[in-house]
Amino acid sequence: MRGTTYDIHMPFSYVYILQSRPSPAHFYVGLTDNIQERLEHHNRAGTTSTAEFRPWTIRAALAFPDRPKARKFELYLKSASGRAFATRHF
């Protein structure tokens, strides 16, 4: 938003896209408040849906000061049109 400023210490929610290193065609989209901790969790096989394709690397991460908006964007990226958007832009 133009003209909007945010305190860098305010809590953010992150929508992230992970890419599998051994299988680069595999991606995962998620939402977290701590991106580094979440990446480590995925790489420890802490999530059954991502364990098979680990290790993961962060392909993109977007910070949102509003968690409900972050959740909407996450759901969009998980839709067919959102996947197409992410493929074009990330």
Foldseek 3Di string as FASTA:
>chain_A
DPPDDDDPPQFWKKWWKKAQPVHRVDIDTDIGRDVVVVLVCLQVVVDVVRVVRDDIDTPDMDIDSDVVVSVVLSVLCVDPVNVVVVVVPD
